All heavy atoms as atom14 arrays in JSON, in Angstrom:
{
  "sequence": "VIPCLNEARFIAGLLHQLEGPAARLDGHIVVVDGGSTDGTCEIVAKV",
  "atom14_mask": [
    [1, 1, 1, 1, 1, 1, 1, 0, 0, 0, 0, 0, 0, 0],
    [1, 1, 1, 1, 1, 1, 1, 1, 0, 0, 0, 0, 0, 0],
    [1, 1, 1, 1, 1, 1, 1, 0, 0, 0, 0, 0, 0, 0],
    [1, 1, 1, 1, 1, 1, 0, 0, 0, 0, 0, 0, 0, 0],
    [1, 1, 1, 1, 1, 1, 1, 1, 0, 0, 0, 0, 0, 0],
    [1, 1, 1, 1, 1, 1, 1, 1, 0, 0, 0, 0, 0, 0],
    [1, 1, 1, 1, 1, 1, 1, 1, 1, 0, 0, 0, 0, 0],
    [1, 1, 1, 1, 1, 0, 0, 0, 0, 0, 0, 0, 0, 0],
    [1, 1, 1, 1, 1, 1, 1, 1, 1, 1, 1, 0, 0, 0],
    [1, 1, 1, 1, 1, 1, 1, 1, 1, 1, 1, 0, 0, 0],
    [1, 1, 1, 1, 1, 1, 1, 1, 0, 0, 0, 0, 0, 0],
    [1, 1, 1, 1, 1, 0, 0, 0, 0, 0, 0, 0, 0, 0],
    [1, 1, 1, 1, 0, 0, 0, 0, 0, 0, 0, 0, 0, 0],
    [1, 1, 1, 1, 1, 1, 1, 1, 0, 0, 0, 0, 0, 0],
    [1, 1, 1, 1, 1, 1, 1, 1, 0, 0, 0, 0, 0, 0],
    [1, 1, 1, 1, 1, 1, 1, 1, 1, 1, 0, 0, 0, 0],
    [1, 1, 1, 1, 1, 1, 1, 1, 1, 0, 0, 0, 0, 0],
    [1, 1, 1, 1, 1, 1, 1, 1, 0, 0, 0, 0, 0, 0],
    [1, 1, 1, 1, 1, 1, 1, 1, 1, 0, 0, 0, 0, 0],
    [1, 1, 1, 1, 0, 0, 0, 0, 0, 0, 0, 0, 0, 0],
    [1, 1, 1, 1, 1, 1, 1, 0, 0, 0, 0, 0, 0, 0],
    [1, 1, 1, 1, 1, 0, 0, 0, 0, 0, 0, 0, 0, 0],
    [1, 1, 1, 1, 1, 0, 0, 0, 0, 0, 0, 0, 0, 0],
    [1, 1, 1, 1, 1, 1, 1, 1, 1, 1, 1, 0, 0, 0],
    [1, 1, 1, 1, 1, 1, 1, 1, 0, 0, 0, 0, 0, 0],
    [1, 1, 1, 1, 1, 1, 1, 1, 0, 0, 0, 0, 0, 0],
    [1, 1, 1, 1, 0, 0, 0, 0, 0, 0, 0, 0, 0, 0],
    [1, 1, 1, 1, 1, 1, 1, 1, 1, 1, 0, 0, 0, 0],
    [1, 1, 1, 1, 1, 1, 1, 1, 0, 0, 0, 0, 0, 0],
    [1, 1, 1, 1, 1, 1, 1, 0, 0, 0, 0, 0, 0, 0],
    [1, 1, 1, 1, 1, 1, 1, 0, 0, 0, 0, 0, 0, 0],
    [1, 1, 1, 1, 1, 1, 1, 0, 0, 0, 0, 0, 0, 0],
    [1, 1, 1, 1, 1, 1, 1, 1, 0, 0, 0, 0, 0, 0],
    [1, 1, 1, 1, 0, 0, 0, 0, 0, 0, 0, 0, 0, 0],
    [1, 1, 1, 1, 0, 0, 0, 0, 0, 0, 0, 0, 0, 0],
    [1, 1, 1, 1, 1, 1, 0, 0, 0, 0, 0, 0, 0, 0],
    [1, 1, 1, 1, 1, 1, 1, 0, 0, 0, 0, 0, 0, 0],
    [1, 1, 1, 1, 1, 1, 1, 1, 0, 0, 0, 0, 0, 0],
    [1, 1, 1, 1, 0, 0, 0, 0, 0, 0, 0, 0, 0, 0],
    [1, 1, 1, 1, 1, 1, 1, 0, 0, 0, 0, 0, 0, 0],
    [1, 1, 1, 1, 1, 1, 0, 0, 0, 0, 0, 0, 0, 0],
    [1, 1, 1, 1, 1, 1, 1, 1, 1, 0, 0, 0, 0, 0],
    [1, 1, 1, 1, 1, 1, 1, 1, 0, 0, 0, 0, 0, 0],
    [1, 1, 1, 1, 1, 1, 1, 0, 0, 0, 0, 0, 0, 0],
    [1, 1, 1, 1, 1, 0, 0, 0, 0, 0, 0, 0, 0, 0],
    [1, 1, 1, 1, 1, 1, 1, 1, 1, 0, 0, 0, 0, 0],
    [1, 1, 1, 1, 1, 1, 1, 0, 0, 0, 0, 0, 0, 0]
  ],
  "atom14_positions": [
    [[0.85, -1.17, 0.07], [0.02, 0.01, 0.01], [0.88, 1.26, 0.01], [1.85, 1.38, 0.87], [-0.95, 0.01, 1.24], [-1.84, 1.28, 1.19], [-1.84, -1.29, 1.26], [0.0, 0.0, 0.0], [0.0, 0.0, 0.0], [0.0, 0.0, 0.0], [0.0, 0.0, 0.0], [0.0, 0.0, 0.0], [0.0, 0.0, 0.0], [0.0, 0.0, 0.0]],
    [[0.58, 2.13, -0.9], [1.32, 3.42, -1.04], [0.36, 4.6, -0.9], [-0.33, 4.91, -1.86], [2.02, 3.52, -2.37], [2.89, 2.28, -2.68], [2.85, 4.8, -2.46], [3.39, 2.23, -4.08], [0.0, 0.0, 0.0], [0.0, 0.0, 0.0], [0.0, 0.0, 0.0], [0.0, 0.0, 0.0], [0.0, 0.0, 0.0], [0.0, 0.0, 0.0]],
    [[0.16, 5.16, 0.26], [-0.69, 6.39, 0.41], [0.15, 7.48, -0.17], [1.38, 7.66, 0.05], [-0.87, 6.49, 1.92], [0.28, 5.81, 2.53], [0.77, 4.71, 1.61], [0.0, 0.0, 0.0], [0.0, 0.0, 0.0], [0.0, 0.0, 0.0], [0.0, 0.0, 0.0], [0.0, 0.0, 0.0], [0.0, 0.0, 0.0], [0.0, 0.0, 0.0]],
    [[-0.5, 8.4, -0.84], [0.26, 9.47, -1.52], [-0.61, 10.73, -1.7], [-1.89, 10.57, -1.83], [0.88, 8.96, -2.77], [-0.19, 8.78, -4.15], [0.0, 0.0, 0.0], [0.0, 0.0, 0.0], [0.0, 0.0, 0.0], [0.0, 0.0, 0.0], [0.0, 0.0, 0.0], [0.0, 0.0, 0.0], [0.0, 0.0, 0.0], [0.0, 0.0, 0.0]],
    [[-0.01, 11.81, -1.92], [-0.64, 13.09, -2.31], [0.43, 13.83, -3.08], [1.51, 14.26, -2.62], [-1.11, 13.81, -1.12], [-1.66, 15.23, -1.29], [-3.0, 15.14, -2.16], [-1.93, 15.92, 0.06], [0.0, 0.0, 0.0], [0.0, 0.0, 0.0], [0.0, 0.0, 0.0], [0.0, 0.0, 0.0], [0.0, 0.0, 0.0], [0.0, 0.0, 0.0]],
    [[0.08, 14.21, -4.39], [1.0, 14.88, -5.16], [2.45, 14.37, -5.18], [3.42, 15.04, -4.82], [1.01, 16.45, -4.71], [-0.26, 17.1, -4.92], [-1.02, 16.75, -5.94], [-0.65, 18.03, -4.12], [0.0, 0.0, 0.0], [0.0, 0.0, 0.0], [0.0, 0.0, 0.0], [0.0, 0.0, 0.0], [0.0, 0.0, 0.0], [0.0, 0.0, 0.0]],
    [[2.56, 13.19, -5.68], [3.78, 12.45, -5.74], [4.22, 12.11, -7.23], [4.74, 11.12, -7.55], [3.85, 11.27, -4.89], [3.6, 11.47, -3.47], [4.84, 12.08, -2.75], [5.82, 12.34, -3.46], [4.87, 12.26, -1.52], [0.0, 0.0, 0.0], [0.0, 0.0, 0.0], [0.0, 0.0, 0.0], [0.0, 0.0, 0.0], [0.0, 0.0, 0.0]],
    [[3.84, 13.01, -8.23], [4.03, 12.77, -9.62], [5.53, 12.54, -9.89], [5.9, 11.82, -10.78], [3.43, 13.88, -10.45], [0.0, 0.0, 0.0], [0.0, 0.0, 0.0], [0.0, 0.0, 0.0], [0.0, 0.0, 0.0], [0.0, 0.0, 0.0], [0.0, 0.0, 0.0], [0.0, 0.0, 0.0], [0.0, 0.0, 0.0], [0.0, 0.0, 0.0]],
    [[6.43, 13.18, -9.17], [7.86, 13.09, -9.47], [8.32, 11.76, -9.15], [9.38, 11.34, -9.66], [8.58, 14.11, -8.66], [8.31, 15.55, -9.12], [9.23, 16.51, -8.35], [8.99, 16.39, -6.87], [9.8, 16.9, -5.91], [11.01, 17.45, -6.16], [9.5, 16.77, -4.68], [0.0, 0.0, 0.0], [0.0, 0.0, 0.0], [0.0, 0.0, 0.0]],
    [[7.69, 11.01, -8.19], [8.33, 9.77, -7.69], [7.55, 8.49, -7.97], [8.03, 7.48, -7.85], [8.51, 9.86, -6.2], [9.32, 11.11, -5.74], [8.74, 12.16, -5.14], [10.58, 11.14, -5.98], [9.39, 13.27, -4.73], [11.36, 12.28, -5.58], [10.74, 13.38, -5.0], [0.0, 0.0, 0.0], [0.0, 0.0, 0.0], [0.0, 0.0, 0.0]],
    [[6.14, 8.63, -8.17], [5.34, 7.46, -8.13], [5.69, 6.5, -9.21], [5.66, 5.2, -9.11], [3.78, 7.86, -8.12], [2.97, 6.71, -7.76], [3.38, 8.51, -9.43], [3.2, 6.1, -6.4], [0.0, 0.0, 0.0], [0.0, 0.0, 0.0], [0.0, 0.0, 0.0], [0.0, 0.0, 0.0], [0.0, 0.0, 0.0], [0.0, 0.0, 0.0]],
    [[5.94, 7.01, -10.49], [6.24, 6.09, -11.58], [7.46, 5.28, -11.34], [7.49, 3.98, -11.59], [6.43, 6.87, -12.86], [0.0, 0.0, 0.0], [0.0, 0.0, 0.0], [0.0, 0.0, 0.0], [0.0, 0.0, 0.0], [0.0, 0.0, 0.0], [0.0, 0.0, 0.0], [0.0, 0.0, 0.0], [0.0, 0.0, 0.0], [0.0, 0.0, 0.0]],
    [[8.45, 5.89, -10.78], [9.71, 5.08, -10.44], [9.52, 4.11, -9.46], [10.09, 3.0, -9.54], [0.0, 0.0, 0.0], [0.0, 0.0, 0.0], [0.0, 0.0, 0.0], [0.0, 0.0, 0.0], [0.0, 0.0, 0.0], [0.0, 0.0, 0.0], [0.0, 0.0, 0.0], [0.0, 0.0, 0.0], [0.0, 0.0, 0.0], [0.0, 0.0, 0.0]],
    [[8.69, 4.45, -8.33], [8.49, 3.46, -7.34], [7.66, 2.25, -7.86], [7.91, 1.05, -7.59], [7.68, 4.1, -6.16], [7.41, 3.23, -5.01], [8.7, 2.53, -4.49], [6.64, 3.93, -3.86], [0.0, 0.0, 0.0], [0.0, 0.0, 0.0], [0.0, 0.0, 0.0], [0.0, 0.0, 0.0], [0.0, 0.0, 0.0], [0.0, 0.0, 0.0]],
    [[6.63, 2.53, -8.72], [5.82, 1.43, -9.24], [6.69, 0.53, -10.22], [6.55, -0.7, -10.21], [4.63, 2.02, -10.03], [3.64, 2.68, -9.16], [2.52, 3.23, -10.09], [2.97, 1.67, -8.13], [0.0, 0.0, 0.0], [0.0, 0.0, 0.0], [0.0, 0.0, 0.0], [0.0, 0.0, 0.0], [0.0, 0.0, 0.0], [0.0, 0.0, 0.0]],
    [[7.53, 1.11, -10.87], [8.47, 0.4, -11.73], [9.39, -0.51, -10.92], [9.63, -1.7, -11.21], [9.25, 1.22, -12.69], [10.25, 0.55, -13.56], [9.89, -0.27, -14.69], [11.6, 0.42, -13.39], [11.02, -0.78, -15.12], [12.1, -0.41, -14.47], [0.0, 0.0, 0.0], [0.0, 0.0, 0.0], [0.0, 0.0, 0.0], [0.0, 0.0, 0.0]],
    [[9.89, 0.06, -9.87], [10.78, -0.71, -8.97], [10.01, -1.9, -8.31], [10.59, -2.98, -8.1], [11.27, 0.11, -7.83], [12.24, -0.51, -6.9], [12.69, 0.42, -5.7], [12.11, 1.48, -5.5], [13.68, 0.02, -5.0], [0.0, 0.0, 0.0], [0.0, 0.0, 0.0], [0.0, 0.0, 0.0], [0.0, 0.0, 0.0], [0.0, 0.0, 0.0]],
    [[8.7, -1.8, -8.04], [7.97, -2.75, -7.32], [7.39, -3.88, -8.26], [6.85, -4.91, -7.8], [6.77, -2.19, -6.61], [7.19, -1.28, -5.42], [5.95, -0.59, -4.85], [7.83, -2.22, -4.28], [0.0, 0.0, 0.0], [0.0, 0.0, 0.0], [0.0, 0.0, 0.0], [0.0, 0.0, 0.0], [0.0, 0.0, 0.0], [0.0, 0.0, 0.0]],
    [[7.42, -3.61, -9.58], [6.91, -4.56, -10.54], [7.47, -5.97, -10.43], [6.69, -6.96, -10.3], [7.19, -4.03, -12.02], [6.49, -4.84, -13.07], [6.76, -4.22, -14.41], [6.71, -2.97, -14.54], [6.97, -5.02, -15.46], [0.0, 0.0, 0.0], [0.0, 0.0, 0.0], [0.0, 0.0, 0.0], [0.0, 0.0, 0.0], [0.0, 0.0, 0.0]],
    [[8.76, -6.11, -10.34], [9.37, -7.47, -10.19], [9.04, -8.05, -8.88], [8.56, -9.29, -8.84], [0.0, 0.0, 0.0], [0.0, 0.0, 0.0], [0.0, 0.0, 0.0], [0.0, 0.0, 0.0], [0.0, 0.0, 0.0], [0.0, 0.0, 0.0], [0.0, 0.0, 0.0], [0.0, 0.0, 0.0], [0.0, 0.0, 0.0], [0.0, 0.0, 0.0]],
    [[9.25, -7.42, -7.72], [8.95, -7.97, -6.44], [7.53, -8.39, -6.28], [7.17, -9.51, -5.7], [9.29, -6.85, -5.45], [10.47, -6.13, -6.1], [10.03, -6.16, -7.54], [0.0, 0.0, 0.0], [0.0, 0.0, 0.0], [0.0, 0.0, 0.0], [0.0, 0.0, 0.0], [0.0, 0.0, 0.0], [0.0, 0.0, 0.0], [0.0, 0.0, 0.0]],
    [[6.51, -7.56, -6.79], [5.15, -7.91, -6.73], [4.84, -9.21, -7.43], [4.05, -10.08, -6.91], [4.26, -6.74, -7.17], [0.0, 0.0, 0.0], [0.0, 0.0, 0.0], [0.0, 0.0, 0.0], [0.0, 0.0, 0.0], [0.0, 0.0, 0.0], [0.0, 0.0, 0.0], [0.0, 0.0, 0.0], [0.0, 0.0, 0.0], [0.0, 0.0, 0.0]],
    [[5.41, -9.26, -8.59], [5.21, -10.54, -9.37], [5.82, -11.78, -8.69], [5.09, -12.84, -8.68], [5.78, -10.4, -10.77], [0.0, 0.0, 0.0], [0.0, 0.0, 0.0], [0.0, 0.0, 0.0], [0.0, 0.0, 0.0], [0.0, 0.0, 0.0], [0.0, 0.0, 0.0], [0.0, 0.0, 0.0], [0.0, 0.0, 0.0], [0.0, 0.0, 0.0]],
    [[6.99, -11.68, -8.15], [7.59, -12.81, -7.54], [6.93, -13.24, -6.25], [6.97, -14.42, -5.9], [9.09, -12.5, -7.29], [9.98, -12.37, -8.51], [11.44, -12.33, -8.2], [11.83, -11.0, -7.63], [12.17, -9.98, -8.29], [12.1, -9.95, -9.61], [12.43, -8.86, -7.64], [0.0, 0.0, 0.0], [0.0, 0.0, 0.0], [0.0, 0.0, 0.0]],
    [[6.38, -12.27, -5.52], [5.68, -12.52, -4.28], [4.2, -12.76, -4.46], [3.47, -13.02, -3.45], [5.88, -11.36, -3.31], [7.37, -11.11, -2.89], [7.44, -9.75, -2.1], [7.81, -12.25, -1.98], [0.0, 0.0, 0.0], [0.0, 0.0, 0.0], [0.0, 0.0, 0.0], [0.0, 0.0, 0.0], [0.0, 0.0, 0.0], [0.0, 0.0, 0.0]],
    [[3.69, -12.71, -5.71], [2.28, -12.82, -5.96], [1.43, -11.79, -5.21], [0.44, -12.12, -4.59], [1.76, -14.26, -5.71], [0.33, -14.49, -6.17], [-0.04, -13.77, -7.14], [-0.38, -15.37, -5.69], [0.0, 0.0, 0.0], [0.0, 0.0, 0.0], [0.0, 0.0, 0.0], [0.0, 0.0, 0.0], [0.0, 0.0, 0.0], [0.0, 0.0, 0.0]],
    [[2.04, -10.56, -5.1], [1.39, -9.53, -4.4], [0.66, -8.51, -5.25], [0.6, -8.65, -6.46], [0.0, 0.0, 0.0], [0.0, 0.0, 0.0], [0.0, 0.0, 0.0], [0.0, 0.0, 0.0], [0.0, 0.0, 0.0], [0.0, 0.0, 0.0], [0.0, 0.0, 0.0], [0.0, 0.0, 0.0], [0.0, 0.0, 0.0], [0.0, 0.0, 0.0]],
    [[0.0, -7.58, -4.57], [-0.73, -6.56, -5.24], [-0.38, -5.18, -4.74], [-0.18, -5.0, -3.58], [-2.29, -6.75, -5.18], [-3.06, -5.89, -6.02], [-3.22, -6.2, -7.43], [-3.8, -4.75, -5.81], [-4.08, -5.3, -7.94], [-4.35, -4.37, -6.97], [0.0, 0.0, 0.0], [0.0, 0.0, 0.0], [0.0, 0.0, 0.0], [0.0, 0.0, 0.0]],
    [[-0.24, -4.14, -5.61], [0.18, -2.86, -5.27], [-1.06, -1.86, -5.31], [-1.73, -1.88, -6.4], [1.24, -2.34, -6.19], [2.43, -3.31, -6.23], [1.69, -0.9, -5.76], [3.4, -3.03, -7.4], [0.0, 0.0, 0.0], [0.0, 0.0, 0.0], [0.0, 0.0, 0.0], [0.0, 0.0, 0.0], [0.0, 0.0, 0.0], [0.0, 0.0, 0.0]],
    [[-1.32, -1.21, -4.2], [-2.47, -0.29, -4.25], [-1.93, 1.09, -3.92], [-1.41, 1.34, -2.87], [-3.55, -0.67, -3.15], [-4.76, 0.28, -3.27], [-4.0, -2.14, -3.42], [0.0, 0.0, 0.0], [0.0, 0.0, 0.0], [0.0, 0.0, 0.0], [0.0, 0.0, 0.0], [0.0, 0.0, 0.0], [0.0, 0.0, 0.0], [0.0, 0.0, 0.0]],
    [[-2.14, 2.01, -4.82], [-1.84, 3.43, -4.52], [-3.08, 4.06, -4.17], [-4.15, 4.06, -4.82], [-1.26, 4.16, -5.82], [-0.91, 5.61, -5.52], [0.0, 3.47, -6.3], [0.0, 0.0, 0.0], [0.0, 0.0, 0.0], [0.0, 0.0, 0.0], [0.0, 0.0, 0.0], [0.0, 0.0, 0.0], [0.0, 0.0, 0.0], [0.0, 0.0, 0.0]],
    [[-3.05, 4.74, -2.86], [-4.25, 5.34, -2.33], [-3.96, 6.82, -2.34], [-3.28, 7.32, -1.63], [-4.61, 4.84, -0.97], [-5.98, 5.28, -0.59], [-4.5, 3.31, -0.89], [0.0, 0.0, 0.0], [0.0, 0.0, 0.0], [0.0, 0.0, 0.0], [0.0, 0.0, 0.0], [0.0, 0.0, 0.0], [0.0, 0.0, 0.0], [0.0, 0.0, 0.0]],
    [[-4.77, 7.51, -3.28], [-4.45, 8.94, -3.47], [-5.38, 9.84, -2.61], [-6.57, 9.53, -2.61], [-4.66, 9.27, -4.96], [-4.19, 10.65, -5.22], [-3.05, 10.94, -5.33], [-5.09, 11.51, -5.36], [0.0, 0.0, 0.0], [0.0, 0.0, 0.0], [0.0, 0.0, 0.0], [0.0, 0.0, 0.0], [0.0, 0.0, 0.0], [0.0, 0.0, 0.0]],
    [[-4.85, 10.81, -2.04], [-5.61, 11.78, -1.14], [-6.06, 12.98, -1.87], [-6.31, 14.1, -1.24], [0.0, 0.0, 0.0], [0.0, 0.0, 0.0], [0.0, 0.0, 0.0], [0.0, 0.0, 0.0], [0.0, 0.0, 0.0], [0.0, 0.0, 0.0], [0.0, 0.0, 0.0], [0.0, 0.0, 0.0], [0.0, 0.0, 0.0], [0.0, 0.0, 0.0]],
    [[-6.13, 13.0, -3.12], [-6.66, 14.18, -3.88], [-5.55, 14.91, -4.64], [-5.55, 16.2, -4.63], [0.0, 0.0, 0.0], [0.0, 0.0, 0.0], [0.0, 0.0, 0.0], [0.0, 0.0, 0.0], [0.0, 0.0, 0.0], [0.0, 0.0, 0.0], [0.0, 0.0, 0.0], [0.0, 0.0, 0.0], [0.0, 0.0, 0.0], [0.0, 0.0, 0.0]],
    [[-4.59, 14.22, -5.19], [-3.54, 14.93, -5.99], [-4.01, 15.74, -7.07], [-5.01, 15.45, -7.75], [-2.61, 13.8, -6.49], [-1.96, 13.05, -5.44], [0.0, 0.0, 0.0], [0.0, 0.0, 0.0], [0.0, 0.0, 0.0], [0.0, 0.0, 0.0], [0.0, 0.0, 0.0], [0.0, 0.0, 0.0], [0.0, 0.0, 0.0], [0.0, 0.0, 0.0]],
    [[-3.23, 16.85, -7.3], [-3.56, 17.7, -8.42], [-2.51, 17.88, -9.39], [-2.44, 18.76, -10.32], [-3.91, 19.11, -7.89], [-2.89, 19.61, -7.09], [-5.2, 19.0, -7.03], [0.0, 0.0, 0.0], [0.0, 0.0, 0.0], [0.0, 0.0, 0.0], [0.0, 0.0, 0.0], [0.0, 0.0, 0.0], [0.0, 0.0, 0.0], [0.0, 0.0, 0.0]],
    [[-1.4, 17.08, -9.23], [-0.19, 17.18, -10.08], [-0.02, 16.09, -11.15], [1.04, 16.04, -11.76], [1.08, 17.19, -9.14], [1.34, 15.85, -8.47], [0.32, 15.02, -8.45], [2.37, 15.66, -7.97], [0.0, 0.0, 0.0], [0.0, 0.0, 0.0], [0.0, 0.0, 0.0], [0.0, 0.0, 0.0], [0.0, 0.0, 0.0], [0.0, 0.0, 0.0]],
    [[-1.11, 15.28, -11.36], [-1.05, 14.27, -12.36], [-0.66, 12.95, -11.8], [-0.51, 11.98, -12.55], [0.0, 0.0, 0.0], [0.0, 0.0, 0.0], [0.0, 0.0, 0.0], [0.0, 0.0, 0.0], [0.0, 0.0, 0.0], [0.0, 0.0, 0.0], [0.0, 0.0, 0.0], [0.0, 0.0, 0.0], [0.0, 0.0, 0.0], [0.0, 0.0, 0.0]],
    [[-0.61, 12.75, -10.44], [-0.21, 11.49, -9.86], [-1.28, 10.44, -10.19], [-0.83, 9.28, -10.63], [-0.18, 11.62, -8.34], [0.81, 12.49, -7.9], [0.09, 10.25, -7.69], [0.0, 0.0, 0.0], [0.0, 0.0, 0.0], [0.0, 0.0, 0.0], [0.0, 0.0, 0.0], [0.0, 0.0, 0.0], [0.0, 0.0, 0.0], [0.0, 0.0, 0.0]],
    [[-2.53, 10.75, -10.14], [-3.6, 9.71, -10.43], [-3.43, 9.28, -11.95], [-3.62, 8.05, -12.23], [-4.96, 10.38, -10.17], [-5.22, 10.53, -8.43], [0.0, 0.0, 0.0], [0.0, 0.0, 0.0], [0.0, 0.0, 0.0], [0.0, 0.0, 0.0], [0.0, 0.0, 0.0], [0.0, 0.0, 0.0], [0.0, 0.0, 0.0], [0.0, 0.0, 0.0]],
    [[-3.24, 10.16, -12.83], [-3.13, 9.86, -14.23], [-1.89, 8.88, -14.51], [-2.03, 7.93, -15.23], [-2.98, 11.06, -15.04], [-4.17, 11.91, -15.17], [-4.44, 12.83, -13.9], [-3.6, 12.73, -13.09], [-5.45, 13.45, -13.82], [0.0, 0.0, 0.0], [0.0, 0.0, 0.0], [0.0, 0.0, 0.0], [0.0, 0.0, 0.0], [0.0, 0.0, 0.0]],
    [[-0.89, 9.11, -13.76], [0.39, 8.23, -13.94], [0.04, 6.82, -13.42], [0.32, 5.87, -14.09], [1.54, 8.84, -13.17], [2.05, 10.16, -13.82], [2.66, 7.85, -13.06], [2.97, 10.92, -12.99], [0.0, 0.0, 0.0], [0.0, 0.0, 0.0], [0.0, 0.0, 0.0], [0.0, 0.0, 0.0], [0.0, 0.0, 0.0], [0.0, 0.0, 0.0]],
    [[-0.58, 6.75, -12.31], [-0.95, 5.47, -11.69], [-1.99, 4.71, -12.6], [-1.8, 3.48, -12.8], [-1.41, 5.62, -10.29], [-1.91, 4.26, -9.67], [-0.41, 6.26, -9.36], [0.0, 0.0, 0.0], [0.0, 0.0, 0.0], [0.0, 0.0, 0.0], [0.0, 0.0, 0.0], [0.0, 0.0, 0.0], [0.0, 0.0, 0.0], [0.0, 0.0, 0.0]],
    [[-2.87, 5.47, -13.05], [-3.92, 4.85, -13.92], [-3.29, 4.24, -15.2], [-3.78, 3.2, -15.68], [-5.06, 5.88, -14.18], [0.0, 0.0, 0.0], [0.0, 0.0, 0.0], [0.0, 0.0, 0.0], [0.0, 0.0, 0.0], [0.0, 0.0, 0.0], [0.0, 0.0, 0.0], [0.0, 0.0, 0.0], [0.0, 0.0, 0.0], [0.0, 0.0, 0.0]],
    [[-2.35, 4.9, -15.7], [-1.65, 4.47, -16.94], [-0.91, 3.19, -16.7], [-0.89, 2.27, -17.44], [-0.73, 5.56, -17.45], [-0.09, 5.23, -18.74], [0.79, 6.42, -19.31], [1.46, 6.07, -20.52], [2.28, 7.2, -21.05], [0.0, 0.0, 0.0], [0.0, 0.0, 0.0], [0.0, 0.0, 0.0], [0.0, 0.0, 0.0], [0.0, 0.0, 0.0]],
    [[-0.18, 3.07, -15.44], [0.41, 1.92, -15.16], [-0.51, 0.78, -14.82], [-0.34, -0.36, -15.39], [1.32, 2.19, -13.9], [2.04, 0.85, -13.48], [2.39, 3.19, -14.21], [0.0, 0.0, 0.0], [0.0, 0.0, 0.0], [0.0, 0.0, 0.0], [0.0, 0.0, 0.0], [0.0, 0.0, 0.0], [0.0, 0.0, 0.0], [0.0, 0.0, 0.0]]
  ]
}
């Protein structure tokens, strides 16, 4: 779980870093956004 607010600068890199571990561990990644206005949600939705 990644709670975030206006983390457009970092969120894509973190999701990319977690892609391999999540697959190997059969896990799920949830970004919980608190109302970002900097494009964070759009980045997460694209991923």
